[in-house]
Amino acid sequence: MVGLPKEIMESARMDGATHFQIFRTIILPLSLPALASFAIFQFLWVWNDLLVAMVYLGQGEDKTVLTAQLRELLGSRGDNWEILTSGAFISIVVPLIVFISLQRYFVRGLLAGSVKGG
C-alpha cells in the first residue's frame, strides 16, 4: 500500500472524497492482488501447520487433524505407504481449490511491480 501513487489519493481528496471512500474505492481495489497473494500463503501455512492444530484441539481419538491422521496411516513399521500417498493426495484437494480459485490475483500480485508503465 505504501507503493501506491500518492497523486491518486490527493486527486480524490481534492474531489471531496473522505478517508473511507479513498480506502474503499482506490486503495482496496489496487491492493487486491497483494492481499489475495497473502491470503493464499496464509491459508496454506495454516492448513499445513500440524503443531497449532494439535495445540488447539488437544488429545483424543475424536480430535485428530488430517495431517496427524495421515501420519497414523503409515503404521508402526512404515509398510502402508500406498495408503499414505493416496491420503496425502486427497488432502491436497482443498489447498488446490483455494489456489486455483485465487490464481489470477496471485499472478497479478507477482507481476504488479515488474513492469513500469509509461
Protein backbone atom coordinates (compact mmCIF):
# COMPACT_ATOMS: atom_id res chain seq x y z
CA MET A 1 0.00 0.00 0.00
CA VAL A 2 2.97 2.27 0.52
CA GLY A 3 3.91 1.89 -3.14
CA LEU A 4 0.60 3.22 -4.43
CA PRO A 5 0.85 6.64 -6.12
CA LYS A 6 0.03 9.42 -3.68
CA GLU A 7 -1.21 11.62 -6.55
CA ILE A 8 -4.29 9.42 -6.96
CA MET A 9 -5.25 9.83 -3.32
CA GLU A 10 -4.57 13.57 -3.44
CA SER A 11 -6.80 13.87 -6.51
CA ALA A 12 -9.58 12.00 -4.73
CA ARG A 13 -9.21 14.24 -1.71
CA MET A 14 -9.43 17.32 -3.97
CA ASP A 15 -12.66 15.89 -5.38
CA GLY A 16 -14.07 15.72 -1.85
CA ALA A 17 -13.63 12.02 -1.02
CA THR A 18 -13.40 11.02 2.63
CA HIS A 19 -10.70 8.71 4.04
CA PHE A 20 -13.09 5.75 3.95
CA GLN A 21 -14.13 6.46 0.35
CA ILE A 22 -10.50 6.68 -0.73
CA PHE A 23 -9.75 3.39 1.01
CA ARG A 24 -12.82 1.63 -0.38
CA THR A 25 -12.66 2.89 -3.98
CA ILE A 26 -8.94 3.36 -4.61
CA ILE A 27 -6.65 1.61 -2.14
CA LEU A 28 -8.56 -1.65 -1.71
CA PRO A 29 -9.02 -2.43 -5.44
CA LEU A 30 -5.37 -1.60 -6.18
CA SER A 31 -4.22 -3.76 -3.25
CA LEU A 32 -6.44 -6.75 -4.07
CA PRO A 33 -3.71 -8.79 -5.85
CA ALA A 34 -1.30 -8.39 -2.95
CA LEU A 35 -3.99 -9.23 -0.40
CA ALA A 36 -5.00 -12.32 -2.40
CA SER A 37 -1.38 -13.49 -2.54
CA PHE A 38 -1.10 -13.03 1.21
CA ALA A 39 -4.39 -14.93 1.74
CA ILE A 40 -3.15 -17.87 -0.34
CA PHE A 41 0.12 -18.15 1.57
CA GLN A 42 -1.59 -17.71 4.93
CA PHE A 43 -4.19 -20.38 4.15
CA LEU A 44 -1.55 -22.87 3.02
CA TRP A 45 0.57 -22.16 6.10
CA VAL A 46 -2.35 -22.74 8.46
CA TRP A 47 -3.58 -25.79 6.53
CA ASN A 48 -0.19 -27.47 6.81
CA ASP A 49 0.56 -26.50 10.41
CA LEU A 50 0.19 -29.63 12.47
CA LEU A 51 1.53 -28.20 15.72
CA VAL A 52 -1.00 -25.37 16.00
CA ALA A 53 -3.89 -27.72 15.25
CA MET A 54 -2.77 -30.21 17.85
CA VAL A 55 -2.36 -27.46 20.48
CA TYR A 56 -5.86 -26.09 19.91
CA LEU A 57 -7.60 -29.45 19.62
CA GLY A 58 -5.79 -31.26 22.40
CA GLN A 59 -5.65 -35.04 22.74
CA GLY A 60 -8.25 -37.65 21.97
CA GLU A 61 -9.39 -40.00 19.24
CA ASP A 62 -12.22 -37.75 18.12
CA LYS A 63 -9.93 -34.71 17.89
CA THR A 64 -7.38 -35.59 15.21
CA VAL A 65 -6.42 -33.35 12.33
CA LEU A 66 -5.91 -34.59 8.80
CA THR A 67 -2.12 -34.47 8.88
CA ALA A 68 -1.98 -36.40 12.16
CA GLN A 69 -4.34 -38.99 10.73
CA LEU A 70 -2.10 -39.33 7.66
CA ARG A 71 0.88 -39.97 9.92
CA GLU A 72 -1.08 -42.74 11.66
CA LEU A 73 -1.91 -44.37 8.32
CA LEU A 74 1.75 -45.19 7.77
CA GLY A 75 1.72 -47.76 10.54
CA SER A 76 4.40 -48.63 13.06
CA ARG A 77 6.75 -50.25 10.52
CA GLY A 78 6.07 -47.95 7.57
CA ASP A 79 4.52 -50.69 5.45
CA ASN A 80 1.31 -48.89 4.41
CA TRP A 81 2.97 -46.31 2.16
CA GLU A 82 0.35 -46.71 -0.60
CA ILE A 83 -2.41 -45.69 1.83
CA LEU A 84 -0.32 -42.73 2.99
CA THR A 85 0.26 -41.45 -0.55
CA SER A 86 -3.40 -41.77 -1.51
CA GLY A 87 -4.43 -39.98 1.69
CA ALA A 88 -1.89 -37.21 1.04
CA PHE A 89 -3.25 -36.83 -2.50
CA ILE A 90 -6.79 -36.45 -1.15
CA SER A 91 -5.66 -33.94 1.48
CA ILE A 92 -4.21 -31.64 -1.19
CA VAL A 93 -7.64 -31.10 -2.79
CA VAL A 94 -8.72 -28.21 -0.55
CA PRO A 95 -5.48 -26.16 -0.90
CA LEU A 96 -5.53 -26.83 -4.64
CA ILE A 97 -9.08 -25.46 -4.93
CA VAL A 98 -8.08 -22.34 -2.97
CA PHE A 99 -5.01 -21.77 -5.13
CA ILE A 100 -6.84 -22.30 -8.44
CA SER A 101 -9.70 -20.01 -7.45
CA LEU A 102 -7.30 -17.21 -6.40
CA GLN A 103 -4.63 -17.84 -9.05
CA ARG A 104 -5.44 -14.81 -11.20
CA TYR A 105 -4.96 -12.50 -8.21
CA PHE A 106 -1.77 -14.30 -7.26
CA VAL A 107 -0.26 -13.78 -10.72
CA ARG A 108 -1.31 -10.12 -10.73
CA GLY A 109 0.33 -9.68 -7.34
CA LEU A 110 3.58 -11.20 -8.58
CA LEU A 111 3.64 -9.02 -11.69
CA ALA A 112 2.47 -5.80 -10.02
CA GLY A 113 5.86 -4.13 -9.74
CA SER A 114 7.71 -5.84 -12.57
CA VAL A 115 6.73 -3.56 -15.47
CA LYS A 116 6.85 0.19 -15.31
CA GLY A 117 4.07 1.82 -17.32
CA GLY A 118 4.77 4.88 -19.39
